[in-house]
Amino acid sequence: MLLSIFGAVRESLGLTELRERLAGLGAEPVGSTPEVFSRFVTEGRAEMARVVREANIRLE
């Protein structure tokens, strides 16, 4: 299931209209593998946790 979704998304990212629309929203379409995306999310969460901790940010 995941691989079929990945394939459809990757195919869609080849469409110029979609790439331009995403770029207009400030997104940079990559179309990487699910493993690379998972690593990107994991590393991003770790970095944001560090920033929150060092800035002593708290929920109100």
PDB file of N, CA and C in Angstrom:
ATOM      1  N   MET A   1       0.831  -1.199   0.000  1.00  0.00           N
ATOM      2  CA  MET A   1       0.000   0.000   0.000  1.00  0.00           C
ATOM      3  C   MET A   1       0.870   1.255   0.000  1.00  0.00           C
ATOM      4  N   LEU A   2       1.836   1.294   0.916  1.00  0.00           N
ATOM      5  CA  LEU A   2       2.703   2.464   1.011  1.00  0.00           C
ATOM      6  C   LEU A   2       3.473   2.695  -0.284  1.00  0.00           C
ATOM      7  N   LEU A   3       3.940   1.623  -0.890  1.00  0.00           N
ATOM      8  CA  LEU A   3       4.699   1.767  -2.131  1.00  0.00           C
ATOM      9  C   LEU A   3       3.830   2.266  -3.271  1.00  0.00           C
ATOM     10  N   SER A   4       2.552   1.900  -3.299  1.00  0.00           N
ATOM     11  CA  SER A   4       1.683   2.403  -4.361  1.00  0.00           C
ATOM     12  C   SER A   4       1.401   3.891  -4.158  1.00  0.00           C
ATOM     13  N   ILE A   5       1.240   4.324  -2.908  1.00  0.00           N
ATOM     14  CA  ILE A   5       1.058   5.757  -2.622  1.00  0.00           C
ATOM     15  C   ILE A   5       2.329   6.509  -3.001  1.00  0.00           C
ATOM     16  N   PHE A   6       3.476   5.970  -2.614  1.00  0.00           N
ATOM     17  CA  PHE A   6       4.762   6.575  -2.950  1.00  0.00           C
ATOM     18  C   PHE A   6       4.885   6.740  -4.464  1.00  0.00           C
ATOM     19  N   GLY A   7       4.540   5.709  -5.215  1.00  0.00           N
ATOM     20  CA  GLY A   7       4.630   5.773  -6.674  1.00  0.00           C
ATOM     21  C   GLY A   7       3.727   6.834  -7.256  1.00  0.00           C
ATOM     22  N   ALA A   8       2.509   6.938  -6.745  1.00  0.00           N
ATOM     23  CA  ALA A   8       1.561   7.929  -7.242  1.00  0.00           C
ATOM     24  C   ALA A   8       2.028   9.349  -6.934  1.00  0.00           C
ATOM     25  N   VAL A   9       2.538   9.554  -5.735  1.00  0.00           N
ATOM     26  CA  VAL A   9       3.035  10.883  -5.356  1.00  0.00           C
ATOM     27  C   VAL A   9       4.241  11.253  -6.212  1.00  0.00           C
ATOM     28  N   ARG A  10       5.144  10.309  -6.375  1.00  0.00           N
ATOM     29  CA  ARG A  10       6.348  10.573  -7.172  1.00  0.00           C
ATOM     30  C   ARG A  10       5.980  10.915  -8.617  1.00  0.00           C
ATOM     31  N   GLU A  11       5.017  10.200  -9.166  1.00  0.00           N
ATOM     32  CA  GLU A  11       4.548  10.484 -10.525  1.00  0.00           C
ATOM     33  C   GLU A  11       3.928  11.874 -10.597  1.00  0.00           C
ATOM     34  N   SER A  12       3.120  12.217  -9.595  1.00  0.00           N
ATOM     35  CA  SER A  12       2.471  13.530  -9.559  1.00  0.00           C
ATOM     36  C   SER A  12       3.484  14.656  -9.480  1.00  0.00           C
ATOM     37  N   LEU A  13       4.580  14.428  -8.756  1.00  0.00           N
ATOM     38  CA  LEU A  13       5.600  15.471  -8.620  1.00  0.00           C
ATOM     39  C   LEU A  13       6.314  15.742  -9.934  1.00  0.00           C
ATOM     40  N   GLY A  14       6.114  14.912 -10.914  1.00  0.00           N
ATOM     41  CA  GLY A  14       6.675  15.153 -12.233  1.00  0.00           C
ATOM     42  C   GLY A  14       5.858  16.142 -13.042  1.00  0.00           C
ATOM     43  N   LEU A  15       4.666  16.473 -12.575  1.00  0.00           N
ATOM     44  CA  LEU A  15       3.798  17.407 -13.282  1.00  0.00           C
ATOM     45  C   LEU A  15       4.245  18.842 -13.022  1.00  0.00           C
ATOM     46  N   THR A  16       4.534  19.560 -14.080  1.00  0.00           N
ATOM     47  CA  THR A  16       5.015  20.937 -13.965  1.00  0.00           C
ATOM     48  C   THR A  16       4.037  21.807 -13.186  1.00  0.00           C
ATOM     49  N   GLU A  17       2.751  21.673 -13.470  1.00  0.00           N
ATOM     50  CA  GLU A  17       1.739  22.497 -12.798  1.00  0.00           C
ATOM     51  C   GLU A  17       1.773  22.294 -11.287  1.00  0.00           C
ATOM     52  N   LEU A  18       1.886  21.056 -10.846  1.00  0.00           N
ATOM     53  CA  LEU A  18       1.934  20.771  -9.412  1.00  0.00           C
ATOM     54  C   LEU A  18       3.215  21.325  -8.796  1.00  0.00           C
ATOM     55  N   ARG A  19       4.340  21.129  -9.452  1.00  0.00           N
ATOM     56  CA  ARG A  19       5.621  21.638  -8.926  1.00  0.00           C
ATOM     57  C   ARG A  19       5.580  23.157  -8.787  1.00  0.00           C
ATOM     58  N   GLU A  20       4.995  23.842  -9.774  1.00  0.00           N
ATOM     59  CA  GLU A  20       4.898  25.305  -9.716  1.00  0.00           C
ATOM     60  C   GLU A  20       3.968  25.747  -8.588  1.00  0.00           C
ATOM     61  N   ARG A  21       2.871  25.025  -8.423  1.00  0.00           N
ATOM     62  CA  ARG A  21       1.940  25.381  -7.349  1.00  0.00           C
ATOM     63  C   ARG A  21       2.574  25.187  -5.983  1.00  0.00           C
ATOM     64  N   LEU A  22       3.270  24.088  -5.799  1.00  0.00           N
ATOM     65  CA  LEU A  22       3.954  23.840  -4.529  1.00  0.00           C
ATOM     66  C   LEU A  22       5.038  24.893  -4.281  1.00  0.00           C
ATOM     67  N   ALA A  23       5.781  25.241  -5.319  1.00  0.00           N
ATOM     68  CA  ALA A  23       6.819  26.268  -5.183  1.00  0.00           C
ATOM     69  C   ALA A  23       6.203  27.604  -4.787  1.00  0.00           C
ATOM     70  N   GLY A  24       5.029  27.906  -5.326  1.00  0.00           N
ATOM     71  CA  GLY A  24       4.328  29.140  -4.972  1.00  0.00           C
ATOM     72  C   GLY A  24       3.907  29.172  -3.517  1.00  0.00           C
ATOM     73  N   LEU A  25       3.767  28.004  -2.918  1.00  0.00           N
ATOM     74  CA  LEU A  25       3.405  27.901  -1.498  1.00  0.00           C
ATOM     75  C   LEU A  25       4.636  27.834  -0.604  1.00  0.00           C
ATOM     76  N   GLY A  26       5.806  27.894  -1.237  1.00  0.00           N
ATOM     77  CA  GLY A  26       7.046  27.846  -0.465  1.00  0.00           C
ATOM     78  C   GLY A  26       7.543  26.435  -0.212  1.00  0.00           C
ATOM     79  N   ALA A  27       6.938  25.449  -0.872  1.00  0.00           N
ATOM     80  CA  ALA A  27       7.353  24.054  -0.689  1.00  0.00           C
ATOM     81  C   ALA A  27       8.370  23.679  -1.761  1.00  0.00           C
ATOM     82  N   GLU A  28       9.258  22.803  -1.398  1.00  0.00           N
ATOM     83  CA  GLU A  28      10.256  22.317  -2.339  1.00  0.00           C
ATOM     84  C   GLU A  28      10.019  20.820  -2.550  1.00  0.00           C
ATOM     85  N   PRO A  29       9.304  20.458  -3.625  1.00  0.00           N
ATOM     86  CA  PRO A  29       9.011  19.045  -3.846  1.00  0.00           C
ATOM     87  C   PRO A  29      10.282  18.249  -4.111  1.00  0.00           C
ATOM     88  N   VAL A  30      10.422  17.129  -3.409  1.00  0.00           N
ATOM     89  CA  VAL A  30      11.636  16.335  -3.511  1.00  0.00           C
ATOM     90  C   VAL A  30      11.360  14.987  -4.167  1.00  0.00           C
ATOM     91  N   GLY A  31      10.358  14.280  -3.689  1.00  0.00           N
ATOM     92  CA  GLY A  31      10.041  12.974  -4.249  1.00  0.00           C
ATOM     93  C   GLY A  31      11.036  11.899  -3.865  1.00  0.00           C
ATOM     94  N   SER A  32      11.498  11.935  -2.633  1.00  0.00           N
ATOM     95  CA  SER A  32      12.467  10.941  -2.154  1.00  0.00           C
ATOM     96  C   SER A  32      11.762   9.644  -1.782  1.00  0.00           C
ATOM     97  N   THR A  33      12.526   8.685  -1.328  1.00  0.00           N
ATOM     98  CA  THR A  33      11.958   7.401  -0.919  1.00  0.00           C
ATOM     99  C   THR A  33      11.302   7.528   0.453  1.00  0.00           C
ATOM    100  N   PRO A  34      10.418   6.597   0.806  1.00  0.00           N
ATOM    101  CA  PRO A  34       9.805   6.635   2.137  1.00  0.00           C
ATOM    102  C   PRO A  34      10.855   6.591   3.254  1.00  0.00           C
ATOM    103  N   GLU A  35      11.940   5.862   3.045  1.00  0.00           N
ATOM    104  CA  GLU A  35      12.989   5.778   4.064  1.00  0.00           C
ATOM    105  C   GLU A  35      13.688   7.131   4.264  1.00  0.00           C
ATOM    106  N   VAL A  36      13.976   7.812   3.171  1.00  0.00           N
ATOM    107  CA  VAL A  36      14.629   9.121   3.254  1.00  0.00           C
ATOM    108  C   VAL A  36      13.682  10.126   3.914  1.00  0.00           C
ATOM    109  N   PHE A  37      12.397  10.078   3.561  1.00  0.00           N
ATOM    110  CA  PHE A  37      11.425  10.980   4.162  1.00  0.00           C
ATOM    111  C   PHE A  37      11.306  10.726   5.665  1.00  0.00           C
ATOM    112  N   SER A  38      11.275   9.463   6.052  1.00  0.00           N
ATOM    113  CA  SER A  38      11.199   9.119   7.470  1.00  0.00           C
ATOM    114  C   SER A  38      12.393   9.675   8.231  1.00  0.00           C
ATOM    115  N   ARG A  39      13.570   9.549   7.664  1.00  0.00           N
ATOM    116  CA  ARG A  39      14.782  10.083   8.305  1.00  0.00           C
ATOM    117  C   ARG A  39      14.698  11.612   8.399  1.00  0.00           C
ATOM    118  N   PHE A  40      14.192  12.271   7.335  1.00  0.00           N
ATOM    119  CA  PHE A  40      14.034  13.727   7.327  1.00  0.00           C
ATOM    120  C   PHE A  40      13.115  14.174   8.474  1.00  0.00           C
ATOM    121  N   VAL A  41      11.988  13.483   8.634  1.00  0.00           N
ATOM    122  CA  VAL A  41      11.032  13.835   9.695  1.00  0.00           C
ATOM    123  C   VAL A  41      11.647  13.603  11.069  1.00  0.00           C
ATOM    124  N   THR A  42      12.297  12.469  11.248  1.00  0.00           N
ATOM    125  CA  THR A  42      12.919  12.138  12.532  1.00  0.00           C
ATOM    126  C   THR A  42      13.981  13.167  12.908  1.00  0.00           C
ATOM    127  N   GLU A  43      14.828  13.516  11.971  1.00  0.00           N
ATOM    128  CA  GLU A  43      15.878  14.505  12.237  1.00  0.00           C
ATOM    129  C   GLU A  43      15.295  15.886  12.486  1.00  0.00           C
ATOM    130  N   GLY A  44      14.235  16.237  11.751  1.00  0.00           N
ATOM    131  CA  GLY A  44      13.576  17.532  11.957  1.00  0.00           C
ATOM    132  C   GLY A  44      12.949  17.637  13.330  1.00  0.00           C
ATOM    133  N   ARG A  45      12.313  16.559  13.769  1.00  0.00           N
ATOM    134  CA  ARG A  45      11.713  16.552  15.117  1.00  0.00           C
ATOM    135  C   ARG A  45      12.783  16.695  16.183  1.00  0.00           C
ATOM    136  N   ALA A  46      13.890  16.009  16.004  1.00  0.00           N
ATOM    137  CA  ALA A  46      14.978  16.086  16.984  1.00  0.00           C
ATOM    138  C   ALA A  46      15.537  17.507  17.044  1.00  0.00           C
ATOM    139  N   GLU A  47      15.692  18.132  15.899  1.00  0.00           N
ATOM    140  CA  GLU A  47      16.224  19.505  15.856  1.00  0.00           C
ATOM    141  C   GLU A  47      15.254  20.480  16.527  1.00  0.00           C
ATOM    142  N   MET A  48      13.954  20.353  16.239  1.00  0.00           N
ATOM    143  CA  MET A  48      12.975  21.250  16.853  1.00  0.00           C
ATOM    144  C   MET A  48      12.893  21.012  18.358  1.00  0.00           C
ATOM    145  N   ALA A  49      13.024  19.777  18.804  1.00  0.00           N
ATOM    146  CA  ALA A  49      13.026  19.490  20.244  1.00  0.00           C
ATOM    147  C   ALA A  49      14.208  20.175  20.908  1.00  0.00           C
ATOM    148  N   ARG A  50      15.365  20.157  20.251  1.00  0.00           N
ATOM    149  CA  ARG A  50      16.550  20.824  20.792  1.00  0.00           C
ATOM    150  C   ARG A  50      16.311  22.333  20.889  1.00  0.00           C
ATOM    151  N   VAL A  51      15.750  22.926  19.844  1.00  0.00           N
ATOM    152  CA  VAL A  51      15.486  24.373  19.836  1.00  0.00           C
ATOM    153  C   VAL A  51      14.517  24.742  20.953  1.00  0.00           C
ATOM    154  N   VAL A  52      13.451  23.974  21.095  1.00  0.00           N
ATOM    155  CA  VAL A  52      12.447  24.239  22.148  1.00  0.00           C
ATOM    156  C   VAL A  52      13.093  24.129  23.527  1.00  0.00           C
ATOM    157  N   ARG A  53      13.883  23.093  23.714  1.00  0.00           N
ATOM    158  CA  ARG A  53      14.532  22.875  25.012  1.00  0.00           C
ATOM    159  C   ARG A  53      15.510  24.016  25.318  1.00  0.00           C
ATOM    160  N   GLU A  54      16.368  24.375  24.358  1.00  0.00           N
ATOM    161  CA  GLU A  54      17.378  25.417  24.601  1.00  0.00           C
ATOM    162  C   GLU A  54      16.754  26.794  24.784  1.00  0.00           C
ATOM    163  N   ALA A  55      15.620  27.048  24.128  1.00  0.00           N
ATOM    164  CA  ALA A  55      14.938  28.337  24.261  1.00  0.00           C
ATOM    165  C   ALA A  55      13.967  28.336  25.434  1.00  0.00           C
ATOM    166  N   ASN A  56      13.869  27.202  26.122  1.00  0.00           N
ATOM    167  CA  ASN A  56      12.975  27.071  27.270  1.00  0.00           C
ATOM    168  C   ASN A  56      11.528  27.442  26.911  1.00  0.00           C
ATOM    169  N   ILE A  57      11.062  26.971  25.773  1.00  0.00           N
ATOM    170  CA  ILE A  57       9.708  27.259  25.304  1.00  0.00           C
ATOM    171  C   ILE A  57       8.749  26.321  26.022  1.00  0.00           C
ATOM    172  N   ARG A  58       7.657  26.888  26.539  1.00  0.00           N
ATOM    173  CA  ARG A  58       6.663  26.117  27.284  1.00  0.00           C
ATOM    174  C   ARG A  58       5.258  26.379  26.717  1.00  0.00           C
ATOM    175  N   LEU A  59       4.424  25.372  26.797  1.00  0.00           N
ATOM    176  CA  LEU A  59       3.013  25.548  26.415  1.00  0.00           C
ATOM    177  C   LEU A  59       2.302  26.339  27.494  1.00  0.00           C
ATOM    178  N   GLU A  60       1.378  27.161  27.075  1.00  0.00           N
ATOM    179  CA  GLU A  60       0.586  27.920  28.048  1.00  0.00           C
ATOM    180  C   GLU A  60      -0.836  27.460  28.036  1.00  0.00           C
TER     181      GLU A  60
END
